[in-house]
């Protein structure tokens, strides 16, 4: 339910942003694609209002999801100035073939955080912690300790 909220960054309501943007691209309409025999296009990690009516596990959360989508008082998730002045050792995995996060964008963001060391890898695809947790964590800890 909080997936879209991470993008609000103090700019007002998300108002179901992914659904609004998807509507601008009719080629992503699943019903039309199925009716026309076209493949379904991936929308990635998006949250839509219909998830809370079609998924029985999410139905009880519909009202809360609507309140979150309408919320206007989101504070910024992070402070770019503070991150630029960071003094804490930090490391991040950047998945070269990540289907959800653009590699160049990840690296550009990483460069704005003082002292951040990156591990760019094609061993995982947005799933490093789940698929290789101990190995990924060990690598990131070693990077943050300047052992690599």
N, C-alpha and C. Protein backbone atom coordinates (compact mmCIF):
# COMPACT_ATOMS: atom_id res chain seq x y z
N UNK A 1 0.81 -1.20 0.00
CA UNK A 1 0.00 0.00 0.00
C UNK A 1 0.85 1.26 0.00
N UNK A 2 2.05 1.17 0.51
CA UNK A 2 2.90 2.35 0.58
C UNK A 2 3.84 2.48 -0.62
N UNK A 3 3.71 1.59 -1.59
CA UNK A 3 4.66 1.61 -2.70
C UNK A 3 4.70 2.98 -3.40
N UNK A 4 3.56 3.51 -3.78
CA UNK A 4 3.56 4.81 -4.46
C UNK A 4 4.01 5.94 -3.55
N UNK A 5 3.74 5.82 -2.26
CA UNK A 5 4.07 6.90 -1.33
C UNK A 5 5.56 7.22 -1.31
N UNK A 6 6.40 6.26 -1.65
CA UNK A 6 7.84 6.53 -1.64
C UNK A 6 8.22 7.55 -2.70
N UNK A 7 7.35 7.77 -3.67
CA UNK A 7 7.64 8.74 -4.72
C UNK A 7 7.02 10.11 -4.46
N UNK A 8 6.23 10.24 -3.42
CA UNK A 8 5.56 11.52 -3.15
C UNK A 8 6.57 12.62 -2.83
N UNK A 9 7.56 12.32 -2.00
CA UNK A 9 8.64 13.25 -1.69
C UNK A 9 8.14 14.65 -1.35
N UNK A 10 7.07 14.74 -0.58
CA UNK A 10 6.59 16.04 -0.15
C UNK A 10 5.87 16.84 -1.23
N UNK A 11 5.47 16.18 -2.31
CA UNK A 11 4.84 16.89 -3.43
C UNK A 11 3.34 16.69 -3.51
N UNK A 12 2.71 16.31 -2.44
CA UNK A 12 1.26 16.16 -2.46
C UNK A 12 0.83 14.72 -2.66
N UNK A 13 -0.44 14.52 -3.02
CA UNK A 13 -0.98 13.15 -3.12
C UNK A 13 -0.43 12.42 -4.34
N UNK A 14 -0.33 11.11 -4.22
CA UNK A 14 0.03 10.31 -5.40
C UNK A 14 -1.19 10.14 -6.29
N UNK A 15 -2.38 10.11 -5.68
CA UNK A 15 -3.63 10.02 -6.42
C UNK A 15 -3.59 8.89 -7.46
N UNK A 16 -3.05 7.74 -7.04
CA UNK A 16 -2.93 6.58 -7.91
C UNK A 16 -2.14 6.92 -9.18
N UNK A 17 -0.95 7.43 -8.98
CA UNK A 17 -0.11 7.89 -10.10
C UNK A 17 0.11 6.82 -11.16
N UNK A 18 0.42 5.60 -10.74
CA UNK A 18 0.68 4.55 -11.72
C UNK A 18 -0.54 4.29 -12.59
N UNK A 19 -1.72 4.32 -12.00
CA UNK A 19 -2.94 4.11 -12.76
C UNK A 19 -3.18 5.25 -13.74
N UNK A 20 -2.94 6.47 -13.31
CA UNK A 20 -3.13 7.63 -14.18
C UNK A 20 -2.16 7.59 -15.37
N UNK A 21 -0.90 7.24 -15.11
CA UNK A 21 0.10 7.19 -16.19
C UNK A 21 -0.21 6.02 -17.12
N UNK A 22 -0.57 4.88 -16.56
CA UNK A 22 -0.90 3.73 -17.40
C UNK A 22 -2.04 4.05 -18.35
N UNK A 23 -2.99 4.82 -17.90
CA UNK A 23 -4.14 5.19 -18.74
C UNK A 23 -3.72 6.02 -19.95
N UNK A 24 -2.58 6.67 -19.87
CA UNK A 24 -2.07 7.46 -21.00
C UNK A 24 -1.51 6.58 -22.12
N UNK A 25 -1.31 5.30 -21.84
CA UNK A 25 -0.70 4.37 -22.79
C UNK A 25 -1.63 3.19 -23.01
N UNK A 26 -2.54 3.29 -23.98
CA UNK A 26 -3.54 2.25 -24.18
C UNK A 26 -2.94 0.87 -24.49
N UNK A 27 -1.71 0.84 -24.97
CA UNK A 27 -1.09 -0.45 -25.26
C UNK A 27 -0.86 -1.29 -23.99
N UNK A 28 -0.98 -0.66 -22.82
CA UNK A 28 -0.83 -1.38 -21.56
C UNK A 28 -2.16 -1.86 -20.99
N UNK A 29 -3.25 -1.63 -21.69
CA UNK A 29 -4.56 -2.07 -21.20
C UNK A 29 -4.67 -3.58 -21.38
N UNK A 30 -4.72 -4.31 -20.27
CA UNK A 30 -4.71 -5.78 -20.31
C UNK A 30 -5.95 -6.34 -21.00
N UNK A 31 -7.12 -5.79 -20.71
CA UNK A 31 -8.36 -6.32 -21.32
C UNK A 31 -8.33 -6.20 -22.83
N UNK A 32 -7.89 -5.05 -23.33
CA UNK A 32 -7.82 -4.85 -24.78
C UNK A 32 -6.79 -5.79 -25.39
N UNK A 33 -5.64 -5.92 -24.75
CA UNK A 33 -4.60 -6.81 -25.27
C UNK A 33 -5.11 -8.24 -25.36
N UNK A 34 -5.79 -8.72 -24.32
CA UNK A 34 -6.32 -10.09 -24.34
C UNK A 34 -7.39 -10.25 -25.41
N UNK A 35 -8.26 -9.25 -25.52
CA UNK A 35 -9.34 -9.32 -26.52
C UNK A 35 -8.79 -9.32 -27.94
N UNK A 36 -7.67 -8.64 -28.14
CA UNK A 36 -7.07 -8.55 -29.48
C UNK A 36 -5.99 -9.59 -29.72
N UNK A 37 -5.76 -10.45 -28.74
CA UNK A 37 -4.75 -11.48 -28.91
C UNK A 37 -3.32 -10.97 -28.86
N UNK A 38 -3.12 -9.79 -28.28
CA UNK A 38 -1.78 -9.21 -28.15
C UNK A 38 -1.18 -9.64 -26.81
N UNK A 39 0.13 -9.61 -26.72
CA UNK A 39 0.75 -9.94 -25.42
C UNK A 39 0.46 -8.86 -24.39
N UNK A 40 0.44 -9.28 -23.13
CA UNK A 40 0.30 -8.33 -22.03
C UNK A 40 1.64 -7.66 -21.80
N UNK A 41 1.62 -6.35 -21.65
CA UNK A 41 2.86 -5.63 -21.41
C UNK A 41 3.10 -5.45 -19.91
N UNK A 42 4.32 -5.63 -19.50
CA UNK A 42 4.69 -5.53 -18.10
C UNK A 42 4.61 -4.09 -17.63
N UNK A 43 3.99 -3.89 -16.49
CA UNK A 43 3.94 -2.54 -15.91
C UNK A 43 4.88 -2.41 -14.72
N UNK A 44 5.54 -3.47 -14.34
CA UNK A 44 6.52 -3.39 -13.27
C UNK A 44 5.88 -3.30 -11.90
N UNK A 45 6.61 -2.67 -11.00
CA UNK A 45 6.17 -2.57 -9.61
C UNK A 45 5.22 -1.40 -9.45
N UNK A 46 4.02 -1.58 -9.89
CA UNK A 46 3.03 -0.52 -9.78
C UNK A 46 1.86 -1.00 -8.94
N UNK A 47 1.17 -0.05 -8.35
CA UNK A 47 0.00 -0.36 -7.53
C UNK A 47 -1.19 0.38 -8.13
N UNK A 48 -2.28 -0.33 -8.30
CA UNK A 48 -3.47 0.23 -8.93
C UNK A 48 -4.67 0.07 -8.00
N UNK A 49 -5.65 0.95 -8.11
CA UNK A 49 -6.81 0.86 -7.21
C UNK A 49 -7.58 -0.46 -7.37
N UNK A 50 -7.60 -1.00 -8.57
CA UNK A 50 -8.34 -2.25 -8.79
C UNK A 50 -7.71 -3.44 -8.07
N UNK A 51 -6.44 -3.33 -7.67
CA UNK A 51 -5.83 -4.41 -6.89
C UNK A 51 -6.63 -4.64 -5.60
N UNK A 52 -7.20 -3.57 -5.08
CA UNK A 52 -7.89 -3.64 -3.80
C UNK A 52 -9.35 -4.05 -3.93
N UNK A 53 -9.79 -4.30 -5.15
CA UNK A 53 -11.13 -4.85 -5.36
C UNK A 53 -11.07 -6.26 -5.94
N UNK A 54 -10.01 -6.57 -6.68
CA UNK A 54 -9.93 -7.89 -7.32
C UNK A 54 -9.19 -8.93 -6.49
N UNK A 55 -8.31 -8.52 -5.61
CA UNK A 55 -7.56 -9.46 -4.78
C UNK A 55 -8.25 -9.59 -3.43
N UNK A 56 -8.79 -10.76 -3.11
CA UNK A 56 -9.51 -10.93 -1.84
C UNK A 56 -8.66 -10.58 -0.61
N UNK A 57 -7.37 -10.81 -0.68
CA UNK A 57 -6.50 -10.49 0.47
C UNK A 57 -6.36 -8.99 0.67
N UNK A 58 -6.52 -8.23 -0.39
CA UNK A 58 -6.36 -6.77 -0.30
C UNK A 58 -7.67 -6.02 -0.08
N UNK A 59 -8.79 -6.66 -0.34
CA UNK A 59 -10.09 -5.97 -0.20
C UNK A 59 -10.28 -5.25 1.13
N UNK A 60 -9.91 -5.85 2.25
CA UNK A 60 -10.11 -5.15 3.54
C UNK A 60 -9.25 -3.89 3.67
N UNK A 61 -8.28 -3.74 2.80
CA UNK A 61 -7.37 -2.59 2.87
C UNK A 61 -7.75 -1.47 1.90
N UNK A 62 -8.83 -1.65 1.17
CA UNK A 62 -9.23 -0.69 0.13
C UNK A 62 -9.36 0.73 0.68
N UNK A 63 -10.09 0.90 1.76
CA UNK A 63 -10.31 2.24 2.32
C UNK A 63 -8.98 2.89 2.72
N UNK A 64 -8.12 2.12 3.34
CA UNK A 64 -6.81 2.65 3.75
C UNK A 64 -5.99 3.03 2.52
N UNK A 65 -6.03 2.20 1.50
CA UNK A 65 -5.29 2.50 0.27
C UNK A 65 -5.78 3.80 -0.36
N UNK A 66 -7.09 4.00 -0.36
CA UNK A 66 -7.65 5.25 -0.91
C UNK A 66 -7.19 6.46 -0.09
N UNK A 67 -7.18 6.31 1.24
CA UNK A 67 -6.72 7.40 2.10
C UNK A 67 -5.25 7.73 1.83
N UNK A 68 -4.44 6.71 1.66
CA UNK A 68 -3.02 6.95 1.37
C UNK A 68 -2.83 7.62 0.02
N UNK A 69 -3.59 7.22 -0.99
CA UNK A 69 -3.47 7.82 -2.32
C UNK A 69 -3.89 9.28 -2.30
N UNK A 70 -4.79 9.65 -1.40
CA UNK A 70 -5.29 11.03 -1.31
C UNK A 70 -4.48 11.89 -0.34
N UNK A 71 -3.62 11.28 0.43
CA UNK A 71 -2.88 12.02 1.46
C UNK A 71 -2.04 13.13 0.83
N UNK A 72 -2.08 14.30 1.44
CA UNK A 72 -1.37 15.47 0.89
C UNK A 72 -0.18 15.90 1.74
N UNK A 73 -0.02 15.34 2.92
CA UNK A 73 1.03 15.85 3.83
C UNK A 73 2.25 14.93 3.93
N UNK A 74 2.60 14.28 2.83
CA UNK A 74 3.80 13.45 2.83
C UNK A 74 5.02 14.34 3.00
N UNK A 75 5.87 13.96 3.90
CA UNK A 75 7.15 14.68 4.03
C UNK A 75 8.16 14.02 3.11
N UNK A 76 9.23 14.70 2.79
CA UNK A 76 10.24 14.06 1.94
C UNK A 76 10.78 12.78 2.58
N UNK A 77 10.97 11.77 1.76
CA UNK A 77 11.47 10.49 2.23
C UNK A 77 12.94 10.58 2.62
N UNK A 78 13.67 11.41 1.91
CA UNK A 78 15.09 11.57 2.19
C UNK A 78 15.49 13.01 1.95
N UNK A 79 16.61 13.39 2.52
CA UNK A 79 17.12 14.75 2.43
C UNK A 79 18.40 14.74 1.59
N UNK A 80 18.32 15.18 0.33
CA UNK A 80 19.49 15.14 -0.55
C UNK A 80 20.71 15.87 0.01
N UNK A 81 20.49 16.99 0.70
CA UNK A 81 21.63 17.73 1.26
C UNK A 81 22.32 16.92 2.36
N UNK A 82 21.54 16.28 3.19
CA UNK A 82 22.12 15.47 4.26
C UNK A 82 22.85 14.26 3.68
N UNK A 83 22.28 13.64 2.66
CA UNK A 83 22.95 12.51 2.02
C UNK A 83 24.25 12.93 1.35
N UNK A 84 24.28 14.13 0.79
CA UNK A 84 25.51 14.64 0.16
C UNK A 84 26.60 14.88 1.20
N UNK A 85 26.21 15.08 2.44
CA UNK A 85 27.18 15.33 3.52
C UNK A 85 27.40 14.08 4.39
N UNK A 86 26.95 12.95 3.94
CA UNK A 86 27.03 11.71 4.71
C UNK A 86 28.44 11.42 5.22
N UNK A 87 28.53 10.91 6.44
CA UNK A 87 29.82 10.50 7.00
C UNK A 87 29.81 9.04 7.44
N UNK A 88 28.71 8.35 7.21
CA UNK A 88 28.57 6.96 7.63
C UNK A 88 28.97 6.06 6.46
N UNK A 89 29.81 5.05 6.70
CA UNK A 89 30.15 4.11 5.62
C UNK A 89 28.89 3.44 5.09
N UNK A 90 28.76 3.43 3.79
CA UNK A 90 27.54 2.88 3.19
C UNK A 90 27.88 2.24 1.84
N UNK A 91 27.15 1.16 1.54
CA UNK A 91 27.33 0.47 0.27
C UNK A 91 25.97 0.11 -0.30
N UNK A 92 25.91 -0.03 -1.61
CA UNK A 92 24.65 -0.37 -2.27
C UNK A 92 24.91 -1.30 -3.44
N UNK A 93 24.01 -2.25 -3.62
CA UNK A 93 24.05 -3.12 -4.80
C UNK A 93 23.27 -2.43 -5.90
N UNK A 94 23.84 -2.41 -7.08
CA UNK A 94 23.15 -1.91 -8.27
C UNK A 94 23.09 -3.09 -9.23
N UNK A 95 21.88 -3.52 -9.53
CA UNK A 95 21.70 -4.67 -10.39
C UNK A 95 21.69 -4.20 -11.84
N UNK A 96 22.71 -4.60 -12.57
CA UNK A 96 22.89 -4.13 -13.95
C UNK A 96 21.69 -4.40 -14.82
N UNK A 97 21.06 -5.54 -14.64
CA UNK A 97 19.92 -5.92 -15.48
C UNK A 97 18.59 -5.78 -14.74
N UNK A 98 18.51 -4.85 -13.82
CA UNK A 98 17.29 -4.65 -13.03
C UNK A 98 16.17 -4.20 -13.95
N UNK A 99 15.07 -4.95 -13.93
CA UNK A 99 13.96 -4.61 -14.82
C UNK A 99 13.10 -3.47 -14.28
N UNK A 100 13.31 -3.07 -13.02
CA UNK A 100 12.50 -2.02 -12.44
C UNK A 100 13.25 -0.71 -12.24
N UNK A 101 14.56 -0.79 -12.04
CA UNK A 101 15.33 0.41 -11.73
C UNK A 101 16.45 0.56 -12.75
N UNK A 102 16.45 1.67 -13.44
CA UNK A 102 17.45 1.95 -14.46
C UNK A 102 18.84 2.04 -13.83
N UNK A 103 19.78 1.30 -14.39
CA UNK A 103 21.15 1.25 -13.86
C UNK A 103 21.78 2.63 -13.84
N UNK A 104 21.66 3.37 -14.92
CA UNK A 104 22.27 4.71 -14.99
C UNK A 104 21.67 5.61 -13.92
N UNK A 105 20.37 5.53 -13.71
CA UNK A 105 19.72 6.35 -12.68
C UNK A 105 20.23 5.96 -11.30
N UNK A 106 20.37 4.65 -11.05
CA UNK A 106 20.91 4.20 -9.76
C UNK A 106 22.30 4.76 -9.52
N UNK A 107 23.15 4.69 -10.53
CA UNK A 107 24.52 5.17 -10.38
C UNK A 107 24.58 6.68 -10.24
N UNK A 108 23.72 7.40 -10.97
CA UNK A 108 23.65 8.86 -10.81
C UNK A 108 23.24 9.21 -9.38
N UNK A 109 22.24 8.50 -8.86
CA UNK A 109 21.79 8.74 -7.49
C UNK A 109 22.89 8.42 -6.50
N UNK A 110 23.57 7.31 -6.71
CA UNK A 110 24.65 6.90 -5.81
C UNK A 110 25.75 7.96 -5.74
N UNK A 111 26.03 8.60 -6.85
CA UNK A 111 27.07 9.64 -6.87
C UNK A 111 26.70 10.86 -6.03
N UNK A 112 25.44 11.02 -5.71
CA UNK A 112 25.02 12.17 -4.92
C UNK A 112 25.14 11.92 -3.42
N UNK A 113 25.46 10.70 -3.04
CA UNK A 113 25.56 10.33 -1.63
C UNK A 113 27.04 10.18 -1.28
N UNK A 114 27.51 11.06 -0.45
CA UNK A 114 28.94 11.08 -0.09
C UNK A 114 29.36 9.74 0.52
N UNK A 115 30.43 9.19 -0.01
CA UNK A 115 31.00 7.98 0.54
C UNK A 115 30.31 6.68 0.16
N UNK A 116 29.28 6.74 -0.64
CA UNK A 116 28.57 5.51 -1.03
C UNK A 116 29.43 4.72 -2.01
N UNK A 117 29.63 3.47 -1.70
CA UNK A 117 30.36 2.57 -2.58
C UNK A 117 29.34 1.64 -3.23
N UNK A 118 29.44 1.47 -4.52
CA UNK A 118 28.48 0.63 -5.24
C UNK A 118 29.11 -0.68 -5.68
N UNK A 119 28.28 -1.68 -5.71
CA UNK A 119 28.63 -2.97 -6.29
C UNK A 119 27.66 -3.17 -7.44
N UNK A 120 28.16 -3.00 -8.66
CA UNK A 120 27.34 -3.21 -9.85
C UNK A 120 27.50 -4.67 -10.26
N UNK A 121 26.39 -5.38 -10.31
CA UNK A 121 26.45 -6.81 -10.59
C UNK A 121 25.33 -7.23 -11.54
N UNK A 122 25.64 -8.23 -12.35
CA UNK A 122 24.61 -8.83 -13.20
C UNK A 122 24.23 -10.22 -12.69
N UNK A 123 24.64 -10.54 -11.46
CA UNK A 123 24.31 -11.83 -10.86
C UNK A 123 22.85 -11.91 -10.42
N UNK A 124 22.23 -10.78 -10.23
CA UNK A 124 20.85 -10.74 -9.75
C UNK A 124 20.07 -9.73 -10.58
N UNK A 125 18.74 -9.83 -10.50
CA UNK A 125 17.88 -8.91 -11.23
C UNK A 125 16.83 -8.36 -10.27
N UNK A 126 17.18 -7.39 -9.46
CA UNK A 126 16.28 -6.75 -8.51
C UNK A 126 15.95 -7.66 -7.33
N UNK A 127 16.64 -8.77 -7.23
CA UNK A 127 16.25 -9.77 -6.24
C UNK A 127 17.43 -10.27 -5.42
N UNK A 128 18.48 -9.49 -5.31
CA UNK A 128 19.69 -9.95 -4.64
C UNK A 128 19.50 -10.40 -3.21
N UNK A 129 18.77 -9.64 -2.43
CA UNK A 129 18.60 -10.01 -1.02
C UNK A 129 17.80 -11.30 -0.90
N UNK A 130 16.77 -11.45 -1.73
CA UNK A 130 15.96 -12.66 -1.68
C UNK A 130 16.71 -13.86 -2.25
N UNK A 131 17.36 -13.68 -3.40
CA UNK A 131 17.98 -14.81 -4.09
C UNK A 131 19.37 -15.16 -3.56
N UNK A 132 20.08 -14.21 -3.03
CA UNK A 132 21.43 -14.48 -2.57
C UNK A 132 21.79 -13.71 -1.32
N UNK A 133 20.83 -13.60 -0.42
CA UNK A 133 20.95 -12.77 0.77
C UNK A 133 22.28 -12.77 1.47
N UNK A 134 22.77 -13.92 1.98
CA UNK A 134 24.04 -13.89 2.71
C UNK A 134 25.21 -13.40 1.87
N UNK A 135 25.27 -13.83 0.62
CA UNK A 135 26.37 -13.41 -0.25
C UNK A 135 26.30 -11.91 -0.54
N UNK A 136 25.10 -11.43 -0.80
CA UNK A 136 24.93 -10.00 -1.08
C UNK A 136 25.26 -9.17 0.17
N UNK A 137 24.73 -9.58 1.30
CA UNK A 137 25.00 -8.84 2.53
C UNK A 137 26.49 -8.84 2.88
N UNK A 138 27.14 -10.00 2.75
CA UNK A 138 28.58 -10.07 3.02
C UNK A 138 29.35 -9.12 2.11
N UNK A 139 28.98 -9.09 0.84
CA UNK A 139 29.66 -8.21 -0.12
C UNK A 139 29.46 -6.74 0.25
N UNK A 140 28.23 -6.37 0.61
CA UNK A 140 27.95 -4.97 0.96
C UNK A 140 28.64 -4.56 2.25
N UNK A 141 28.66 -5.47 3.22
CA UNK A 141 29.37 -5.16 4.47
C UNK A 141 30.87 -4.99 4.22
N UNK A 142 31.44 -5.86 3.40
CA UNK A 142 32.87 -5.73 3.08
C UNK A 142 33.14 -4.42 2.35
N UNK A 143 32.26 -4.03 1.44
CA UNK A 143 32.42 -2.74 0.76
C UNK A 143 32.36 -1.59 1.74
N UNK A 144 31.39 -1.63 2.64
CA UNK A 144 31.24 -0.53 3.59
C UNK A 144 32.40 -0.45 4.57
N UNK A 145 33.08 -1.58 4.79
CA UNK A 145 34.26 -1.61 5.68
C UNK A 145 35.56 -1.35 4.92
N UNK A 146 35.42 -1.07 3.61
CA UNK A 146 36.58 -0.83 2.75
C UNK A 146 37.51 -2.03 2.68
N UNK A 147 36.93 -3.23 2.72
CA UNK A 147 37.72 -4.46 2.63
C UNK A 147 37.82 -4.98 1.18
N UNK A 148 37.11 -4.35 0.29
CA UNK A 148 37.14 -4.74 -1.14
C UNK A 148 37.60 -3.54 -1.95
